[in-house]
Amino acid sequence: MSIPMGLIAVGTGLWTWLSVRFRVDGDDLVVETGVLRKNKRRIPLSRIQAIDLVRPLVTRVFALAEVRVELAGGAHSEIALRYLGRHSALQLRAELLARAAGLPGHTPEAPERHLWRVPFGALLGSLVVRLPVLGTVLLFFASLLFLVMYTEGGILAVTIPVLLALIRAVIAPLVMYANFTVAMSPDGIRLRYGLLETRMQTLPPGRVQAVSIVEPAIWRSLGWARVEVTVAGYAGERQALSSTLLPVAPRHVAMHLVSQVFPGTHVDAVSLVPASSKAVAIDRADGAGTDDVVFVTRHGWPCRRTDVIAHARAQSVRLTMNLFQRLFGLATVHVDAPPGPVQVAATDRELGEARAIVESTARRALAARRAGGDPARWAR
């Protein structure tokens, strides 16, 4: 069975490779797929949200790389070019970024400024010192102790799932985010990470829609924070893999990175107005506030989240009320970004205050979009 299945796998891979053709035609990326039935896609480079260079372990042996072009458009918007030589992939990435910025395709790769490298020890420690992980570790050792003392094989029904949960919560992200580095360049934010599968991710300016600074309870005592983002092009599994802008860092580094993503703002300087005292909620909101650049909300216990969205990136502003909020005259204001891990909402506001927030935020968003112009050709 191994020989015919191996031949089928090789034949399928070769057929897939032969079916893909691509070229850059002016300001468009043209991708043709299919051998018997042709399919042509013409993608304006201005729609590019991110460009990733992915190198699984096997392809690194043969000096190959995969170029993934993320577009604004949902789950089926990704363009995957498998596989190119590493040098050719770097050249293609640089050309696409240059053309997307409105520069000639032969423009050399922009220099970068190193911002932060996550130490391996800090990454491992941050994954372990979380309340769910610590609880799972205690459960694992308790089940092992019970197994040794009473030689009861049925306890393996608990021990094995707990072990798999620890692998998923600690080992998997440790392998994924090892050697994580963040750098800033004129063509955007550059992320490099991965132990077995390496990834080089580039987010052009203005493509980050919203940001969340996550601070679990134990992390706050250590001064650590994680930065998550919503980018319009990522969806589904790709979104889960690419939503982390910084897995762990000192809080001041995380805040500095947010100020680089949304220039002209300092999140801690934004005054937050507390939610109404009439609110009844487990996840009590700490407050919400705004300045001329961003809208900020903070909520969560024991894991505190600070959600930030630039006025220029807001897709819509809306007011909602659930049954309990109606009874107390409260409402929630949502400042919507594209679907992603960061959802910005000011919960449990007095109804009059909520309506005022909606009107003022809508005005600020309109003014920010007019002042910012078209971000598609940012280099011009």
Protein backbone atom coordinates (compact mmCIF):
# COMPACT_ATOMS: atom_id res chain seq x y z
CA MET A 1 0.00 0.00 0.00
CA SER A 2 2.87 2.39 0.73
CA ILE A 3 4.24 2.36 -2.83
CA PRO A 4 0.98 3.22 -4.66
CA MET A 5 -0.04 5.78 -2.02
CA GLY A 6 3.40 7.37 -2.28
CA LEU A 7 3.11 7.55 -6.07
CA ILE A 8 -0.34 9.12 -5.74
CA ALA A 9 0.98 11.72 -3.29
CA VAL A 10 3.92 12.60 -5.54
CA GLY A 11 1.66 12.78 -8.60
CA THR A 12 -0.84 15.01 -6.80
CA GLY A 13 1.89 17.36 -5.61
CA LEU A 14 3.45 17.54 -9.08
CA TRP A 15 0.05 18.17 -10.70
CA THR A 16 -0.64 20.99 -8.19
CA TRP A 17 2.76 22.54 -8.84
CA LEU A 18 2.31 22.40 -12.64
CA SER A 19 -1.13 23.99 -12.40
CA VAL A 20 0.06 27.31 -10.92
CA ARG A 21 1.41 30.23 -12.96
CA PHE A 22 1.82 33.79 -11.71
CA ARG A 23 3.13 37.12 -12.91
CA VAL A 24 3.07 40.78 -11.93
CA ASP A 25 1.19 42.83 -14.51
CA GLY A 26 1.40 46.54 -13.72
CA ASP A 27 -0.31 47.06 -10.36
CA ASP A 28 -1.91 43.59 -10.37
CA LEU A 29 -0.80 40.13 -9.35
CA VAL A 30 -2.12 37.62 -11.91
CA VAL A 31 -2.40 33.99 -10.77
CA GLU A 32 -3.46 31.20 -13.14
CA THR A 33 -4.37 27.76 -11.85
CA GLY A 34 -5.46 24.54 -13.52
CA VAL A 35 -4.10 22.35 -16.32
CA LEU A 36 -7.25 21.07 -18.02
CA ARG A 37 -9.53 23.82 -16.75
CA LYS A 38 -7.90 27.23 -16.45
CA ASN A 39 -8.77 29.72 -13.73
CA LYS A 40 -7.28 33.23 -13.73
CA ARG A 41 -7.31 35.67 -10.82
CA ARG A 42 -6.24 39.29 -11.16
CA ILE A 43 -5.60 40.85 -7.75
CA PRO A 44 -4.88 44.57 -7.27
CA LEU A 45 -1.74 44.87 -5.18
CA SER A 46 -3.44 47.62 -3.17
CA ARG A 47 -5.60 44.88 -1.56
CA ILE A 48 -2.58 43.14 -0.04
CA GLN A 49 -2.92 42.97 3.75
CA ALA A 50 0.18 40.93 4.54
CA ILE A 51 2.87 38.83 2.88
CA ASP A 52 4.24 35.77 4.68
CA LEU A 53 7.30 33.67 3.86
CA VAL A 54 6.71 30.18 5.28
CA ARG A 55 9.40 27.50 5.35
CA PRO A 56 8.33 24.09 6.74
CA LEU A 57 11.11 21.87 8.01
CA VAL A 58 11.39 19.70 4.87
CA THR A 59 11.49 22.66 2.48
CA ARG A 60 14.28 24.26 4.53
CA VAL A 61 16.45 21.25 3.70
CA PHE A 62 16.02 22.01 -0.03
CA ALA A 63 16.30 25.83 0.37
CA LEU A 64 12.68 26.37 -0.69
CA ALA A 65 10.03 28.74 0.63
CA GLU A 66 6.31 29.36 0.26
CA VAL A 67 5.00 32.86 -0.40
CA ARG A 68 1.55 33.55 1.06
CA VAL A 69 -0.20 36.73 -0.01
CA GLU A 70 -3.07 37.69 2.29
CA LEU A 71 -5.84 39.80 0.77
CA ALA A 72 -8.84 41.61 2.20
CA GLY A 73 -11.71 39.30 1.41
CA GLY A 74 -12.29 36.47 3.89
CA ALA A 75 -11.42 32.81 4.18
CA HIS A 76 -10.70 32.16 0.46
CA SER A 77 -8.63 35.27 -0.24
CA GLU A 78 -5.19 33.75 0.37
CA ILE A 79 -2.76 33.28 -2.53
CA ALA A 80 -0.21 30.52 -1.81
CA LEU A 81 2.76 30.11 -4.15
CA ARG A 82 4.44 26.77 -3.36
CA TYR A 83 7.41 26.42 -3.65
CA LEU A 84 10.04 28.91 -4.75
CA GLY A 85 13.75 29.03 -4.17
CA ARG A 86 14.51 30.98 -1.02
CA HIS A 87 16.26 33.81 -2.89
CA SER A 88 13.47 34.02 -5.49
CA ALA A 89 10.86 34.09 -2.73
CA LEU A 90 12.63 36.99 -0.99
CA GLN A 91 12.86 38.87 -4.29
CA LEU A 92 9.16 38.31 -5.02
CA ARG A 93 8.18 39.46 -1.54
CA ALA A 94 10.24 42.65 -1.89
CA GLU A 95 8.76 43.40 -5.34
CA LEU A 96 5.17 42.87 -4.20
CA LEU A 97 5.66 45.09 -1.15
CA ALA A 98 7.27 47.81 -3.29
CA ARG A 99 4.51 47.75 -5.91
CA ALA A 100 1.81 47.65 -3.24
CA ALA A 101 3.36 50.81 -1.78
CA GLY A 102 3.34 52.54 -5.18
CA LEU A 103 7.10 52.18 -5.84
CA PRO A 104 8.85 50.59 -8.83
CA GLY A 105 9.17 46.82 -8.62
CA HIS A 106 12.98 46.95 -8.71
CA THR A 107 13.09 49.00 -5.50
CA PRO A 108 15.53 47.26 -3.12
CA GLU A 109 14.29 45.80 0.14
CA ALA A 110 13.79 48.45 2.81
CA PRO A 111 16.14 48.40 5.82
CA GLU A 112 14.73 47.44 9.19
CA ARG A 113 15.13 48.56 12.80
CA HIS A 114 15.19 45.80 15.41
CA LEU A 115 12.57 46.33 18.09
CA TRP A 116 12.44 43.23 20.33
CA ARG A 117 13.48 39.59 20.52
CA VAL A 118 11.56 37.29 22.88
CA PRO A 119 14.00 35.27 25.05
CA PHE A 120 13.30 31.54 25.07
CA GLY A 121 13.14 31.45 28.87
CA ALA A 122 10.61 34.28 29.00
CA LEU A 123 8.46 32.56 26.37
CA LEU A 124 8.52 29.26 28.27
CA GLY A 125 7.80 30.96 31.57
CA SER A 126 4.92 32.96 30.14
CA LEU A 127 3.28 29.80 28.83
CA VAL A 128 3.63 27.97 32.15
CA VAL A 129 2.64 30.69 34.64
CA ARG A 130 -0.98 30.95 33.55
CA LEU A 131 -3.80 29.92 35.84
CA PRO A 132 -5.36 27.35 33.44
CA VAL A 133 -1.95 25.77 32.75
CA LEU A 134 -1.01 25.63 36.44
CA GLY A 135 -4.34 24.02 37.23
CA THR A 136 -3.80 21.47 34.46
CA VAL A 137 -0.30 20.68 35.75
CA LEU A 138 -1.68 20.04 39.24
CA LEU A 139 -4.36 17.77 37.79
CA PHE A 140 -1.75 15.86 35.78
CA PHE A 141 0.49 15.17 38.78
CA ALA A 142 -2.50 14.29 40.97
CA SER A 143 -3.64 11.72 38.40
CA LEU A 144 -0.10 10.29 38.17
CA LEU A 145 0.07 10.01 41.95
CA PHE A 146 -3.30 8.25 42.04
CA LEU A 147 -2.13 5.88 39.27
CA VAL A 148 1.06 4.96 41.15
CA MET A 149 -0.58 4.55 44.55
CA TYR A 150 -3.62 2.53 43.49
CA THR A 151 -2.41 1.05 40.15
CA GLU A 152 -5.79 1.90 38.69
CA GLY A 153 -5.52 1.83 34.88
CA GLY A 154 -8.79 3.64 34.46
CA ILE A 155 -7.17 6.87 35.64
CA LEU A 156 -5.34 6.97 32.28
CA ALA A 157 -8.63 8.23 30.85
CA VAL A 158 -7.84 11.42 32.77
CA THR A 159 -4.04 11.47 32.59
CA ILE A 160 -3.68 11.14 28.80
CA PRO A 161 -6.17 13.93 27.87
CA VAL A 162 -4.56 16.20 30.46
CA LEU A 163 -1.12 15.50 28.99
CA LEU A 164 -2.38 16.27 25.49
CA ALA A 165 -3.88 19.52 26.81
CA LEU A 166 -0.48 20.50 28.25
CA ILE A 167 1.22 19.75 24.94
CA ARG A 168 -1.32 21.92 23.16
CA ALA A 169 -1.07 24.77 25.68
CA VAL A 170 2.71 24.81 26.24
CA ILE A 171 4.75 22.75 23.77
CA ALA A 172 2.88 23.73 20.59
CA PRO A 173 3.11 27.53 21.09
CA LEU A 174 6.67 27.15 22.36
CA VAL A 175 7.67 25.52 19.05
CA MET A 176 5.59 27.97 17.02
CA TYR A 177 6.84 31.23 18.59
CA ALA A 178 10.46 30.29 19.36
CA ASN A 179 13.03 32.86 18.15
CA PHE A 180 10.29 35.49 17.88
CA THR A 181 11.64 38.86 16.71
CA VAL A 182 9.89 42.13 15.84
CA ALA A 183 11.40 44.77 13.56
CA MET A 184 10.09 47.98 12.04
CA SER A 185 10.78 49.01 8.47
CA PRO A 186 9.34 51.51 5.97
CA ASP A 187 7.35 48.66 4.36
CA GLY A 188 5.70 47.68 7.65
CA ILE A 189 6.10 45.46 10.70
CA ARG A 190 8.31 42.42 10.19
CA LEU A 191 7.86 39.35 12.37
CA ARG A 192 10.13 36.28 12.32
CA TYR A 193 9.43 33.19 14.38
CA GLY A 194 9.27 29.41 14.42
CA LEU A 195 11.46 26.49 15.44
CA LEU A 196 10.50 23.73 12.99
CA GLU A 197 8.42 25.78 10.54
CA THR A 198 9.88 29.27 10.21
CA ARG A 199 7.71 32.18 9.19
CA MET A 200 8.56 35.71 8.09
CA GLN A 201 5.47 37.89 8.26
CA THR A 202 5.24 41.44 6.90
CA LEU A 203 2.31 43.73 7.71
CA PRO A 204 2.36 46.86 5.51
CA PRO A 205 1.51 50.21 7.14
CA GLY A 206 -2.14 50.73 7.96
CA ARG A 207 -3.12 47.05 7.65
CA VAL A 208 -3.53 46.42 11.38
CA GLN A 209 -7.19 47.13 12.17
CA ALA A 210 -7.29 46.74 15.96
CA VAL A 211 -4.93 45.81 18.80
CA SER A 212 -5.39 44.12 22.17
CA ILE A 213 -2.91 44.20 25.06
CA VAL A 214 -3.53 41.03 27.10
CA GLU A 215 -2.34 40.82 30.72
CA PRO A 216 -3.22 37.62 32.65
CA ALA A 217 -3.28 37.90 36.44
CA ILE A 218 0.15 36.38 37.15
CA TRP A 219 1.70 38.22 34.22
CA ARG A 220 0.68 41.57 35.68
CA SER A 221 2.77 40.91 38.79
CA LEU A 222 5.75 40.16 36.51
CA GLY A 223 5.13 43.17 34.26
CA TRP A 224 4.46 41.06 31.15
CA ALA A 225 1.94 41.56 28.36
CA ARG A 226 0.93 39.99 25.03
CA VAL A 227 -0.15 41.92 21.93
CA GLU A 228 -2.82 40.51 19.61
CA VAL A 229 -4.06 42.10 16.39
CA THR A 230 -6.85 41.94 13.86
CA VAL A 231 -5.68 42.07 10.24
CA ALA A 232 -8.34 42.15 7.53
CA GLY A 233 -6.80 39.46 5.33
CA TYR A 234 -6.51 36.65 7.87
CA ALA A 235 -9.47 34.33 8.41
CA GLY A 236 -10.15 30.91 9.91
CA GLU A 237 -7.06 28.91 10.85
CA ARG A 238 -4.75 31.53 9.34
CA GLN A 239 -6.21 34.10 11.69
CA ALA A 240 -5.48 31.94 14.75
CA LEU A 241 -1.88 31.41 13.61
CA SER A 242 -1.16 35.02 12.64
CA SER A 243 -3.03 37.14 15.20
CA THR A 244 -0.11 37.42 17.65
CA LEU A 245 2.00 40.52 17.19
CA LEU A 246 4.09 39.84 20.30
CA PRO A 247 3.68 36.64 22.39
CA VAL A 248 5.22 38.09 25.56
CA ALA A 249 7.30 41.14 26.46
CA PRO A 250 7.68 43.71 29.23
CA ARG A 251 4.60 45.91 29.29
CA HIS A 252 6.47 49.03 28.23
CA VAL A 253 7.75 47.21 25.12
CA ALA A 254 4.20 46.12 24.25
CA MET A 255 2.94 49.68 24.65
CA HIS A 256 5.77 51.02 22.51
CA LEU A 257 4.88 48.54 19.76
CA VAL A 258 1.24 49.68 19.87
CA SER A 259 2.41 53.28 19.46
CA GLN A 260 4.33 52.18 16.36
CA VAL A 261 1.23 50.46 14.94
CA PHE A 262 -0.96 53.53 15.57
CA PRO A 263 1.45 56.49 15.29
CA GLY A 264 0.67 59.52 17.39
CA THR A 265 -0.92 57.81 20.37
CA HIS A 266 0.01 56.63 23.84
CA VAL A 267 -2.56 54.19 25.20
CA ASP A 268 -1.79 54.74 28.89
CA ALA A 269 -2.30 58.48 28.43
CA VAL A 270 -5.92 58.00 27.31
CA SER A 271 -8.25 58.78 30.21
CA LEU A 272 -10.72 55.92 30.78
CA VAL A 273 -14.20 56.65 32.14
CA PRO A 274 -15.52 53.83 34.38
CA ALA A 275 -18.63 51.88 33.44
CA SER A 276 -21.92 52.51 35.22
CA SER A 277 -22.15 51.35 38.82
CA LYS A 278 -25.56 49.81 38.00
CA ALA A 279 -23.95 47.16 35.80
CA VAL A 280 -24.15 43.53 36.92
CA ALA A 281 -21.48 41.43 35.13
CA ILE A 282 -18.74 38.94 35.99
CA ASP A 283 -16.41 40.38 33.33
CA ARG A 284 -16.78 43.91 34.65
CA ALA A 285 -15.62 46.67 32.34
CA ASP A 286 -12.90 48.92 33.76
CA GLY A 287 -13.60 51.83 31.46
CA ALA A 288 -13.48 53.38 28.00
CA GLY A 289 -11.92 56.48 26.55
CA THR A 290 -10.77 58.17 23.39
CA ASP A 291 -8.40 60.75 21.98
CA ASP A 292 -7.94 62.15 18.49
CA VAL A 293 -6.29 58.95 17.20
CA VAL A 294 -7.71 55.87 18.99
CA PHE A 295 -10.69 54.51 20.93
CA VAL A 296 -9.69 52.42 23.98
CA THR A 297 -11.62 50.02 26.22
CA ARG A 298 -10.39 47.91 29.13
CA HIS A 299 -12.11 44.92 30.70
CA GLY A 300 -11.54 41.47 32.13
CA TRP A 301 -10.84 39.69 35.38
CA PRO A 302 -8.57 37.91 36.10
CA CYS A 303 -7.19 38.35 32.56
CA ARG A 304 -7.20 42.05 31.71
CA ARG A 305 -7.55 43.12 28.09
CA THR A 306 -7.01 46.62 26.72
CA ASP A 307 -8.57 46.88 23.25
CA VAL A 308 -7.48 49.67 20.93
CA ILE A 309 -8.79 50.71 17.52
CA ALA A 310 -7.73 53.72 15.46
CA HIS A 311 -10.58 55.98 14.37
CA ALA A 312 -9.35 55.67 10.79
CA ARG A 313 -9.75 51.87 10.93
CA ALA A 314 -13.30 51.81 12.37
CA GLN A 315 -15.75 50.09 10.02
CA SER A 316 -18.92 51.08 11.89
CA VAL A 317 -20.18 52.27 15.27
CA ARG A 318 -23.32 50.76 16.81
CA LEU A 319 -25.27 50.63 20.05
CA THR A 320 -26.79 47.44 21.49
CA MET A 321 -28.86 46.63 24.58
CA ASN A 322 -29.59 43.21 26.08
CA LEU A 323 -32.51 42.43 28.36
CA PHE A 324 -30.73 43.25 31.62
CA GLN A 325 -29.26 46.45 30.23
CA ARG A 326 -32.75 47.62 29.24
CA LEU A 327 -33.94 47.14 32.81
CA PHE A 328 -31.18 49.40 34.15
CA GLY A 329 -31.05 51.90 31.27
CA LEU A 330 -27.63 50.79 30.04
CA ALA A 331 -26.14 50.07 26.60
CA THR A 332 -22.98 48.80 24.90
CA VAL A 333 -21.14 50.72 22.20
CA HIS A 334 -19.32 48.63 19.59
CA VAL A 335 -16.60 50.14 17.41
CA ASP A 336 -16.39 47.50 14.71
CA ALA A 337 -13.26 46.28 12.96
CA PRO A 338 -13.13 43.38 10.45
CA PRO A 339 -13.72 39.93 12.05
CA GLY A 340 -10.81 38.93 14.24
CA PRO A 341 -9.64 38.29 17.80
CA VAL A 342 -9.94 41.95 18.82
CA GLN A 343 -13.48 43.25 19.32
CA VAL A 344 -13.67 46.76 20.77
CA ALA A 345 -16.76 47.43 22.90
CA ALA A 346 -17.55 49.89 25.69
CA THR A 347 -20.01 47.92 27.83
CA ASP A 348 -22.55 49.03 30.42
CA ARG A 349 -22.65 52.74 29.67
CA GLU A 350 -25.54 54.97 30.66
CA LEU A 351 -27.91 55.25 27.69
CA GLY A 352 -27.38 58.98 27.16
CA GLU A 353 -23.62 58.56 27.46
CA ALA A 354 -23.67 55.64 25.00
CA ARG A 355 -25.50 57.69 22.40
CA ALA A 356 -23.03 60.53 22.81
CA ILE A 357 -20.12 58.07 22.37
CA VAL A 358 -21.67 56.74 19.14
CA GLU A 359 -22.07 60.22 17.67
CA SER A 360 -18.63 61.51 18.68
CA THR A 361 -16.84 58.32 17.56
CA ALA A 362 -18.57 58.40 14.17
CA ARG A 363 -17.47 62.02 13.67
CA ARG A 364 -13.90 61.24 14.68
CA ALA A 365 -13.78 58.22 12.35
CA LEU A 366 -15.01 60.30 9.40
CA ALA A 367 -12.49 63.06 10.10
CA ALA A 368 -9.63 60.54 10.50
CA ARG A 369 -10.43 58.86 7.18
CA ARG A 370 -10.52 62.19 5.37
CA ALA A 371 -7.23 63.29 6.91
CA GLY A 372 -5.52 59.95 6.29
CA GLY A 373 -6.35 59.71 2.60
CA ASP A 374 -6.03 56.48 0.64
CA PRO A 375 -3.72 54.02 2.46
CA ALA A 376 -3.39 51.77 -0.60
CA ARG A 377 -0.32 53.56 -2.01
CA TRP A 378 1.20 54.61 1.29
CA ALA A 379 4.69 55.36 -0.11
CA ARG A 380 3.30 58.11 -2.34
